[in-house]
Amino acid sequence: MSDLIYKEIEKKDEKQLRDLIKTVLGGLENPQFFIPYADWELEQLYDKSYAPLHGAYDGDKLVGMAQLYIRQDFLQEYIDILDLNGYKVCELGGNLVLPEYRGNGIMYKLIQLQSKLAKDMGFDYIISMAHPDNIGSKKNLMKLGLEYVKTTTVNETFLRDIFMMKL
C-alpha cells in the first residue's frame, strides 16, 4: 500500500464507488452494522447539498469512503431525538473501507476530513451513529471527540448508539 490520497470522490469513479459499497456491505460480519442505502440515496451520492462525499485512494483505486449528511430535512429525526431544533446539525455517515485496507487509520482520517468540512461549513453540532456492537466505529468516533449520548432505535428499525460533538 502506497501513501493514500484523500479527496472528493468524482463521478468518473462511480463504478469503483458502487463496487466498494457492494463489497463492504456484502461482507459485513453483522448486516445490522450499516443502515442500507435506499435507491434514492444511491442516486444522490454526488449531490453536495445532500452529503459531500470523500474517498481514500491507493493510487487510482478507491479503498474507502465517508459522507457528511448536511440536509436538515434528512436529519430531522435525529435532531428531534437529540433536542437540537434551532441548531445546524450534520451527520458523519456512509463510512466504508475495503476489508483488506482496514486497521490502517483510513476511516479515522476520512472522518477527520469530514469533521473539518463541517466546521468550515458553519455547523453547530456533528452527530454520528454506530450499532452498539460495532466497537471499531465507536472507538473512531470517540477518538475524534464525539461523546456517547444515548442508545435508541432510528428509522423505526435500527438500534444505534448516538454520538455528538459541539463544533
N, C-alpha and C. Protein backbone atom coordinates (compact mmCIF):
# COMPACT_ATOMS: atom_id res chain seq x y z
N MET A 1 0.85 -1.18 0.00
CA MET A 1 0.00 0.00 0.00
C MET A 1 0.89 1.24 0.00
N SER A 2 0.73 2.07 -1.00
CA SER A 2 1.49 3.32 -1.07
C SER A 2 0.81 4.36 -0.19
N ASP A 3 1.35 5.59 -0.18
CA ASP A 3 0.70 6.66 0.56
C ASP A 3 -0.67 6.90 -0.05
N LEU A 4 -1.67 6.97 0.81
CA LEU A 4 -3.04 7.16 0.33
C LEU A 4 -3.31 8.62 0.06
N ILE A 5 -4.21 8.85 -0.88
CA ILE A 5 -4.67 10.19 -1.22
C ILE A 5 -6.11 10.31 -0.76
N TYR A 6 -6.43 11.40 -0.08
CA TYR A 6 -7.79 11.65 0.42
C TYR A 6 -8.35 12.84 -0.35
N LYS A 7 -9.49 12.62 -1.00
CA LYS A 7 -10.07 13.69 -1.82
C LYS A 7 -11.54 13.41 -2.07
N GLU A 8 -12.20 14.42 -2.65
CA GLU A 8 -13.59 14.27 -3.04
C GLU A 8 -13.70 13.18 -4.11
N ILE A 9 -14.71 12.34 -3.98
CA ILE A 9 -14.94 11.29 -4.98
C ILE A 9 -15.66 11.92 -6.17
N GLU A 10 -15.14 11.65 -7.35
CA GLU A 10 -15.70 12.22 -8.57
C GLU A 10 -16.61 11.22 -9.28
N LYS A 11 -17.50 11.76 -10.09
CA LYS A 11 -18.45 10.95 -10.85
C LYS A 11 -17.75 9.90 -11.70
N LYS A 12 -16.54 10.20 -12.19
CA LYS A 12 -15.81 9.24 -13.02
C LYS A 12 -15.47 7.95 -12.25
N ASP A 13 -15.53 8.01 -10.93
CA ASP A 13 -15.23 6.84 -10.09
C ASP A 13 -16.49 6.11 -9.62
N GLU A 14 -17.60 6.37 -10.30
CA GLU A 14 -18.87 5.79 -9.84
C GLU A 14 -18.84 4.26 -9.79
N LYS A 15 -18.27 3.61 -10.78
CA LYS A 15 -18.23 2.14 -10.75
C LYS A 15 -17.43 1.67 -9.53
N GLN A 16 -16.29 2.29 -9.28
CA GLN A 16 -15.49 1.90 -8.11
C GLN A 16 -16.27 2.14 -6.81
N LEU A 17 -17.00 3.26 -6.76
CA LEU A 17 -17.78 3.59 -5.57
C LEU A 17 -18.86 2.55 -5.33
N ARG A 18 -19.60 2.23 -6.36
CA ARG A 18 -20.67 1.23 -6.21
C ARG A 18 -20.09 -0.15 -5.87
N ASP A 19 -18.94 -0.50 -6.45
CA ASP A 19 -18.28 -1.77 -6.12
C ASP A 19 -17.82 -1.78 -4.66
N LEU A 20 -17.29 -0.65 -4.20
CA LEU A 20 -16.87 -0.54 -2.79
C LEU A 20 -18.07 -0.77 -1.87
N ILE A 21 -19.16 -0.09 -2.14
CA ILE A 21 -20.36 -0.24 -1.32
C ILE A 21 -20.83 -1.70 -1.32
N LYS A 22 -20.90 -2.29 -2.50
CA LYS A 22 -21.37 -3.68 -2.62
C LYS A 22 -20.44 -4.65 -1.88
N THR A 23 -19.13 -4.47 -2.04
CA THR A 23 -18.16 -5.36 -1.40
C THR A 23 -18.23 -5.25 0.12
N VAL A 24 -18.21 -4.03 0.63
CA VAL A 24 -18.18 -3.85 2.09
C VAL A 24 -19.50 -4.29 2.71
N LEU A 25 -20.62 -3.84 2.16
CA LEU A 25 -21.91 -4.21 2.75
C LEU A 25 -22.19 -5.70 2.61
N GLY A 26 -21.73 -6.30 1.53
CA GLY A 26 -21.93 -7.74 1.34
C GLY A 26 -21.09 -8.59 2.26
N GLY A 27 -20.05 -8.04 2.83
CA GLY A 27 -19.15 -8.82 3.67
C GLY A 27 -19.19 -8.46 5.15
N LEU A 28 -20.17 -7.67 5.57
CA LEU A 28 -20.23 -7.27 6.98
C LEU A 28 -20.44 -8.48 7.88
N GLU A 29 -19.72 -8.51 9.01
CA GLU A 29 -19.89 -9.60 9.97
C GLU A 29 -21.29 -9.56 10.57
N ASN A 30 -21.86 -8.36 10.66
CA ASN A 30 -23.21 -8.18 11.17
C ASN A 30 -23.90 -7.17 10.24
N PRO A 31 -24.86 -7.61 9.43
CA PRO A 31 -25.53 -6.70 8.49
C PRO A 31 -26.20 -5.50 9.18
N GLN A 32 -26.49 -5.61 10.47
CA GLN A 32 -27.11 -4.50 11.21
C GLN A 32 -26.12 -3.36 11.47
N PHE A 33 -24.83 -3.55 11.19
CA PHE A 33 -23.83 -2.51 11.43
C PHE A 33 -24.03 -1.31 10.51
N PHE A 34 -24.69 -1.50 9.37
CA PHE A 34 -24.85 -0.42 8.40
C PHE A 34 -26.30 -0.33 7.98
N ILE A 35 -26.86 0.87 8.03
CA ILE A 35 -28.22 1.07 7.55
C ILE A 35 -28.14 1.07 6.03
N PRO A 36 -28.81 0.15 5.36
CA PRO A 36 -28.67 0.04 3.90
C PRO A 36 -29.09 1.31 3.17
N TYR A 37 -28.42 1.56 2.06
CA TYR A 37 -28.79 2.68 1.21
C TYR A 37 -30.12 2.40 0.54
N ALA A 38 -31.00 3.38 0.53
CA ALA A 38 -32.21 3.31 -0.29
C ALA A 38 -31.81 3.68 -1.72
N ASP A 39 -32.60 3.24 -2.69
CA ASP A 39 -32.28 3.55 -4.09
C ASP A 39 -32.12 5.05 -4.31
N TRP A 40 -33.00 5.85 -3.70
CA TRP A 40 -32.92 7.31 -3.89
C TRP A 40 -31.62 7.88 -3.32
N GLU A 41 -31.08 7.25 -2.25
CA GLU A 41 -29.82 7.73 -1.69
C GLU A 41 -28.66 7.45 -2.64
N LEU A 42 -28.68 6.28 -3.27
CA LEU A 42 -27.62 5.94 -4.22
C LEU A 42 -27.63 6.91 -5.41
N GLU A 43 -28.79 7.41 -5.76
CA GLU A 43 -28.89 8.37 -6.86
C GLU A 43 -28.35 9.74 -6.45
N GLN A 44 -28.23 10.00 -5.15
CA GLN A 44 -27.76 11.31 -4.67
C GLN A 44 -26.32 11.29 -4.17
N LEU A 45 -25.58 10.25 -4.50
CA LEU A 45 -24.22 10.13 -3.97
C LEU A 45 -23.33 11.33 -4.30
N TYR A 46 -23.58 11.99 -5.41
CA TYR A 46 -22.73 13.11 -5.82
C TYR A 46 -23.38 14.47 -5.58
N ASP A 47 -24.49 14.48 -4.85
CA ASP A 47 -25.19 15.73 -4.56
C ASP A 47 -24.57 16.36 -3.31
N LYS A 48 -23.75 17.38 -3.51
CA LYS A 48 -23.04 18.01 -2.39
C LYS A 48 -23.98 18.73 -1.44
N SER A 49 -25.20 19.07 -1.88
CA SER A 49 -26.15 19.72 -0.98
C SER A 49 -26.85 18.70 -0.08
N TYR A 50 -26.65 17.43 -0.37
CA TYR A 50 -27.21 16.34 0.43
C TYR A 50 -26.15 15.76 1.36
N ALA A 51 -25.03 15.33 0.78
CA ALA A 51 -23.99 14.69 1.59
C ALA A 51 -22.66 14.70 0.83
N PRO A 52 -21.81 15.70 1.08
CA PRO A 52 -20.48 15.69 0.46
C PRO A 52 -19.78 14.35 0.70
N LEU A 53 -19.08 13.87 -0.32
CA LEU A 53 -18.54 12.52 -0.35
C LEU A 53 -17.03 12.58 -0.58
N HIS A 54 -16.28 11.95 0.33
CA HIS A 54 -14.82 11.90 0.19
C HIS A 54 -14.35 10.45 0.20
N GLY A 55 -13.20 10.24 -0.43
CA GLY A 55 -12.67 8.90 -0.51
C GLY A 55 -11.19 8.84 -0.21
N ALA A 56 -10.75 7.63 0.06
CA ALA A 56 -9.33 7.33 0.22
C ALA A 56 -8.93 6.50 -0.98
N TYR A 57 -7.84 6.91 -1.62
CA TYR A 57 -7.37 6.25 -2.83
C TYR A 57 -5.97 5.70 -2.61
N ASP A 58 -5.77 4.45 -3.05
CA ASP A 58 -4.45 3.84 -3.12
C ASP A 58 -4.09 3.88 -4.60
N GLY A 59 -3.34 4.89 -5.00
CA GLY A 59 -3.13 5.15 -6.42
C GLY A 59 -4.47 5.60 -7.00
N ASP A 60 -4.95 4.88 -8.02
CA ASP A 60 -6.25 5.19 -8.61
C ASP A 60 -7.37 4.36 -8.02
N LYS A 61 -7.06 3.48 -7.09
CA LYS A 61 -8.06 2.56 -6.52
C LYS A 61 -8.75 3.19 -5.32
N LEU A 62 -10.09 3.28 -5.38
CA LEU A 62 -10.88 3.77 -4.26
C LEU A 62 -10.97 2.68 -3.21
N VAL A 63 -10.48 2.96 -1.99
CA VAL A 63 -10.43 1.93 -0.94
C VAL A 63 -11.29 2.27 0.27
N GLY A 64 -11.79 3.52 0.35
CA GLY A 64 -12.64 3.91 1.47
C GLY A 64 -13.46 5.13 1.12
N MET A 65 -14.56 5.32 1.84
CA MET A 65 -15.43 6.47 1.59
C MET A 65 -16.05 6.94 2.89
N ALA A 66 -16.46 8.20 2.90
CA ALA A 66 -17.21 8.77 4.02
C ALA A 66 -18.08 9.89 3.48
N GLN A 67 -19.26 10.03 4.06
CA GLN A 67 -20.19 11.09 3.68
C GLN A 67 -20.46 11.98 4.89
N LEU A 68 -20.80 13.22 4.60
CA LEU A 68 -21.23 14.16 5.63
C LEU A 68 -22.63 14.61 5.25
N TYR A 69 -23.61 14.03 5.95
CA TYR A 69 -25.01 14.37 5.65
C TYR A 69 -25.31 15.75 6.20
N ILE A 70 -25.78 16.66 5.30
CA ILE A 70 -25.97 18.04 5.72
C ILE A 70 -27.39 18.54 5.54
N ARG A 71 -28.23 17.83 4.79
CA ARG A 71 -29.60 18.29 4.56
C ARG A 71 -30.41 18.15 5.84
N GLN A 72 -30.89 19.25 6.36
CA GLN A 72 -31.57 19.28 7.64
C GLN A 72 -32.87 18.46 7.63
N ASP A 73 -33.60 18.43 6.52
CA ASP A 73 -34.82 17.63 6.48
C ASP A 73 -34.51 16.14 6.60
N PHE A 74 -33.40 15.70 6.03
CA PHE A 74 -32.98 14.30 6.15
C PHE A 74 -32.61 13.96 7.59
N LEU A 75 -32.10 14.93 8.31
CA LEU A 75 -31.60 14.71 9.68
C LEU A 75 -32.64 15.00 10.76
N GLN A 76 -33.84 15.38 10.39
CA GLN A 76 -34.82 15.85 11.37
C GLN A 76 -35.11 14.83 12.47
N GLU A 77 -35.20 13.55 12.14
CA GLU A 77 -35.45 12.53 13.16
C GLU A 77 -34.37 12.59 14.25
N TYR A 78 -33.13 12.73 13.85
CA TYR A 78 -32.01 12.76 14.80
C TYR A 78 -31.97 14.08 15.57
N ILE A 79 -32.30 15.17 14.89
CA ILE A 79 -32.38 16.47 15.55
C ILE A 79 -33.43 16.43 16.65
N ASP A 80 -34.57 15.80 16.37
CA ASP A 80 -35.63 15.67 17.37
C ASP A 80 -35.19 14.78 18.53
N ILE A 81 -34.57 13.64 18.22
CA ILE A 81 -34.11 12.72 19.27
C ILE A 81 -33.14 13.41 20.22
N LEU A 82 -32.28 14.27 19.68
CA LEU A 82 -31.24 14.92 20.47
C LEU A 82 -31.64 16.31 20.96
N ASP A 83 -32.87 16.72 20.68
CA ASP A 83 -33.39 18.01 21.08
C ASP A 83 -32.47 19.14 20.61
N LEU A 84 -32.15 19.11 19.31
CA LEU A 84 -31.25 20.10 18.72
C LEU A 84 -31.97 21.01 17.72
N ASN A 85 -33.29 21.12 17.84
CA ASN A 85 -34.03 22.02 16.96
C ASN A 85 -33.50 23.44 17.16
N GLY A 86 -33.33 24.15 16.05
CA GLY A 86 -32.79 25.51 16.10
C GLY A 86 -31.29 25.56 15.88
N TYR A 87 -30.66 24.39 15.82
CA TYR A 87 -29.21 24.32 15.56
C TYR A 87 -28.97 23.73 14.18
N LYS A 88 -27.83 24.06 13.61
CA LYS A 88 -27.41 23.49 12.33
C LYS A 88 -26.61 22.22 12.63
N VAL A 89 -27.16 21.06 12.19
CA VAL A 89 -26.63 19.75 12.55
C VAL A 89 -26.23 18.99 11.28
N CYS A 90 -25.11 18.26 11.36
CA CYS A 90 -24.71 17.37 10.27
C CYS A 90 -24.37 16.01 10.86
N GLU A 91 -24.30 15.02 9.99
CA GLU A 91 -24.03 13.66 10.46
C GLU A 91 -22.90 13.02 9.67
N LEU A 92 -21.94 12.44 10.39
CA LEU A 92 -20.92 11.60 9.78
C LEU A 92 -21.57 10.27 9.46
N GLY A 93 -21.47 9.81 8.22
CA GLY A 93 -22.08 8.54 7.86
C GLY A 93 -21.49 8.00 6.58
N GLY A 94 -22.06 6.89 6.12
CA GLY A 94 -21.58 6.28 4.89
C GLY A 94 -20.11 5.93 4.95
N ASN A 95 -19.66 5.50 6.12
CA ASN A 95 -18.24 5.23 6.34
C ASN A 95 -17.92 3.77 6.00
N LEU A 96 -17.17 3.57 4.93
CA LEU A 96 -16.85 2.21 4.47
C LEU A 96 -15.40 2.14 4.03
N VAL A 97 -14.72 1.05 4.39
CA VAL A 97 -13.34 0.79 3.97
C VAL A 97 -13.26 -0.67 3.53
N LEU A 98 -12.59 -0.90 2.40
CA LEU A 98 -12.41 -2.28 1.94
C LEU A 98 -11.74 -3.12 3.03
N PRO A 99 -12.16 -4.37 3.20
CA PRO A 99 -11.63 -5.21 4.29
C PRO A 99 -10.10 -5.29 4.32
N GLU A 100 -9.47 -5.40 3.15
CA GLU A 100 -8.01 -5.56 3.13
C GLU A 100 -7.26 -4.28 3.48
N TYR A 101 -7.97 -3.17 3.64
CA TYR A 101 -7.34 -1.90 3.99
C TYR A 101 -7.66 -1.46 5.42
N ARG A 102 -8.46 -2.24 6.13
CA ARG A 102 -8.83 -1.86 7.50
C ARG A 102 -7.64 -1.97 8.43
N GLY A 103 -7.70 -1.20 9.51
CA GLY A 103 -6.63 -1.24 10.50
C GLY A 103 -5.48 -0.31 10.18
N ASN A 104 -5.66 0.55 9.18
CA ASN A 104 -4.59 1.47 8.76
C ASN A 104 -4.93 2.94 9.02
N GLY A 105 -6.00 3.19 9.79
CA GLY A 105 -6.36 4.57 10.13
C GLY A 105 -7.12 5.31 9.04
N ILE A 106 -7.55 4.59 8.01
CA ILE A 106 -8.23 5.23 6.89
C ILE A 106 -9.54 5.86 7.33
N MET A 107 -10.35 5.12 8.06
CA MET A 107 -11.65 5.66 8.47
C MET A 107 -11.46 6.87 9.37
N TYR A 108 -10.52 6.81 10.27
CA TYR A 108 -10.29 7.94 11.16
C TYR A 108 -9.90 9.18 10.35
N LYS A 109 -9.03 9.01 9.38
CA LYS A 109 -8.60 10.14 8.54
C LYS A 109 -9.79 10.71 7.75
N LEU A 110 -10.64 9.84 7.22
CA LEU A 110 -11.80 10.31 6.47
C LEU A 110 -12.77 11.08 7.37
N ILE A 111 -13.02 10.59 8.57
CA ILE A 111 -13.96 11.32 9.43
C ILE A 111 -13.33 12.61 9.96
N GLN A 112 -12.00 12.65 10.07
CA GLN A 112 -11.33 13.92 10.41
C GLN A 112 -11.59 14.95 9.31
N LEU A 113 -11.46 14.53 8.06
CA LEU A 113 -11.71 15.43 6.93
C LEU A 113 -13.15 15.92 6.93
N GLN A 114 -14.08 15.02 7.21
CA GLN A 114 -15.49 15.39 7.22
C GLN A 114 -15.78 16.33 8.39
N SER A 115 -15.15 16.10 9.52
CA SER A 115 -15.33 16.97 10.68
C SER A 115 -14.83 18.38 10.39
N LYS A 116 -13.68 18.48 9.72
CA LYS A 116 -13.15 19.80 9.34
C LYS A 116 -14.11 20.49 8.37
N LEU A 117 -14.64 19.75 7.42
CA LEU A 117 -15.60 20.29 6.47
C LEU A 117 -16.83 20.83 7.21
N ALA A 118 -17.32 20.09 8.20
CA ALA A 118 -18.48 20.52 8.99
C ALA A 118 -18.19 21.85 9.69
N LYS A 119 -17.01 21.98 10.26
CA LYS A 119 -16.63 23.24 10.92
C LYS A 119 -16.56 24.37 9.90
N ASP A 120 -15.94 24.09 8.76
CA ASP A 120 -15.80 25.11 7.72
C ASP A 120 -17.16 25.56 7.17
N MET A 121 -18.14 24.66 7.20
CA MET A 121 -19.48 24.97 6.68
C MET A 121 -20.38 25.62 7.74
N GLY A 122 -19.85 25.79 8.96
CA GLY A 122 -20.59 26.51 9.99
C GLY A 122 -21.64 25.71 10.75
N PHE A 123 -21.48 24.40 10.81
CA PHE A 123 -22.43 23.60 11.58
C PHE A 123 -22.21 23.80 13.07
N ASP A 124 -23.30 23.68 13.85
CA ASP A 124 -23.22 23.81 15.31
C ASP A 124 -22.84 22.48 15.97
N TYR A 125 -23.40 21.40 15.43
CA TYR A 125 -23.18 20.07 16.01
C TYR A 125 -22.90 19.07 14.90
N ILE A 126 -22.07 18.10 15.24
CA ILE A 126 -21.87 16.97 14.37
C ILE A 126 -22.30 15.74 15.15
N ILE A 127 -23.07 14.87 14.50
CA ILE A 127 -23.54 13.66 15.14
C ILE A 127 -23.09 12.46 14.32
N SER A 128 -23.16 11.30 14.92
CA SER A 128 -22.92 10.06 14.20
C SER A 128 -23.54 8.93 14.99
N MET A 129 -23.72 7.82 14.33
CA MET A 129 -24.34 6.66 14.96
C MET A 129 -23.54 5.42 14.65
N ALA A 130 -23.61 4.47 15.55
CA ALA A 130 -22.99 3.17 15.34
C ALA A 130 -23.83 2.12 16.05
N HIS A 131 -23.86 0.95 15.48
CA HIS A 131 -24.53 -0.17 16.15
C HIS A 131 -23.81 -0.40 17.48
N PRO A 132 -24.55 -0.72 18.54
CA PRO A 132 -23.90 -0.91 19.85
C PRO A 132 -22.77 -1.94 19.85
N ASP A 133 -22.79 -2.92 18.94
CA ASP A 133 -21.73 -3.93 18.89
C ASP A 133 -20.59 -3.58 17.94
N ASN A 134 -20.67 -2.43 17.26
CA ASN A 134 -19.64 -2.04 16.30
C ASN A 134 -18.55 -1.24 17.03
N ILE A 135 -17.69 -1.97 17.70
CA ILE A 135 -16.67 -1.38 18.57
C ILE A 135 -15.71 -0.49 17.79
N GLY A 136 -15.27 -0.92 16.61
CA GLY A 136 -14.32 -0.14 15.83
C GLY A 136 -14.86 1.23 15.46
N SER A 137 -16.09 1.29 14.99
CA SER A 137 -16.69 2.59 14.63
C SER A 137 -16.83 3.48 15.85
N LYS A 138 -17.27 2.91 16.95
CA LYS A 138 -17.46 3.71 18.16
C LYS A 138 -16.13 4.27 18.67
N LYS A 139 -15.07 3.48 18.59
CA LYS A 139 -13.74 3.96 19.01
C LYS A 139 -13.29 5.14 18.16
N ASN A 140 -13.50 5.06 16.84
CA ASN A 140 -13.11 6.16 15.95
C ASN A 140 -13.89 7.43 16.27
N LEU A 141 -15.17 7.30 16.54
CA LEU A 141 -15.98 8.48 16.85
C LEU A 141 -15.51 9.13 18.16
N MET A 142 -15.23 8.32 19.16
CA MET A 142 -14.77 8.88 20.45
C MET A 142 -13.37 9.47 20.31
N LYS A 143 -12.53 8.85 19.50
CA LYS A 143 -11.18 9.38 19.26
C LYS A 143 -11.25 10.77 18.61
N LEU A 144 -12.25 10.98 17.77
CA LEU A 144 -12.44 12.27 17.11
C LEU A 144 -13.00 13.32 18.08
N GLY A 145 -13.57 12.87 19.19
CA GLY A 145 -14.10 13.81 20.18
C GLY A 145 -15.61 13.78 20.34
N LEU A 146 -16.28 12.92 19.59
CA LEU A 146 -17.72 12.79 19.78
C LEU A 146 -17.99 12.02 21.07
N GLU A 147 -19.04 12.39 21.75
CA GLU A 147 -19.39 11.74 23.01
C GLU A 147 -20.67 10.97 22.87
N TYR A 148 -20.71 9.81 23.52
CA TYR A 148 -21.92 8.99 23.53
C TYR A 148 -23.04 9.77 24.21
N VAL A 149 -24.23 9.76 23.59
CA VAL A 149 -25.38 10.46 24.14
C VAL A 149 -26.44 9.48 24.60
N LYS A 150 -26.83 8.54 23.72
CA LYS A 150 -27.87 7.59 24.08
C LYS A 150 -27.93 6.47 23.06
N THR A 151 -28.62 5.41 23.46
CA THR A 151 -28.93 4.31 22.56
C THR A 151 -30.41 4.39 22.25
N THR A 152 -30.75 4.30 20.97
CA THR A 152 -32.14 4.42 20.56
C THR A 152 -32.35 3.65 19.26
N THR A 153 -33.58 3.53 18.85
CA THR A 153 -33.92 2.94 17.56
C THR A 153 -34.19 4.06 16.58
N VAL A 154 -33.54 4.00 15.42
CA VAL A 154 -33.73 5.02 14.39
C VAL A 154 -34.38 4.37 13.16
N ASN A 155 -35.04 5.19 12.37
CA ASN A 155 -35.75 4.70 11.19
C ASN A 155 -36.69 3.54 11.54
N GLU A 156 -37.17 3.53 12.77
CA GLU A 156 -38.11 2.53 13.29
C GLU A 156 -37.57 1.11 13.28
N THR A 157 -36.28 0.92 12.98
CA THR A 157 -35.75 -0.43 12.79
C THR A 157 -34.38 -0.67 13.39
N PHE A 158 -33.50 0.32 13.34
CA PHE A 158 -32.09 0.09 13.61
C PHE A 158 -31.66 0.60 14.98
N LEU A 159 -31.19 -0.31 15.82
CA LEU A 159 -30.66 0.06 17.13
C LEU A 159 -29.32 0.76 16.93
N ARG A 160 -29.17 1.95 17.53
CA ARG A 160 -27.94 2.72 17.35
C ARG A 160 -27.54 3.43 18.62
N ASP A 161 -26.22 3.48 18.85
CA ASP A 161 -25.64 4.38 19.83
C ASP A 161 -25.42 5.69 19.10
N ILE A 162 -25.90 6.79 19.68
CA ILE A 162 -25.75 8.09 19.05
C ILE A 162 -24.66 8.87 19.78
N PHE A 163 -23.79 9.49 18.98
CA PHE A 163 -22.68 10.29 19.46
C PHE A 163 -22.83 11.70 18.91
N MET A 164 -22.34 12.69 19.66
CA MET A 164 -22.38 14.05 19.13
C MET A 164 -21.25 14.88 19.71
N MET A 165 -20.98 16.00 19.00
CA MET A 165 -19.95 16.92 19.43
C MET A 165 -20.38 18.33 19.00
N LYS A 166 -20.25 19.28 19.92
CA LYS A 166 -20.48 20.68 19.58
C LYS A 166 -19.25 21.19 18.84
N LEU A 167 -19.49 21.84 17.70
CA LEU A 167 -18.36 22.34 16.90
C LEU A 167 -18.03 23.77 17.27
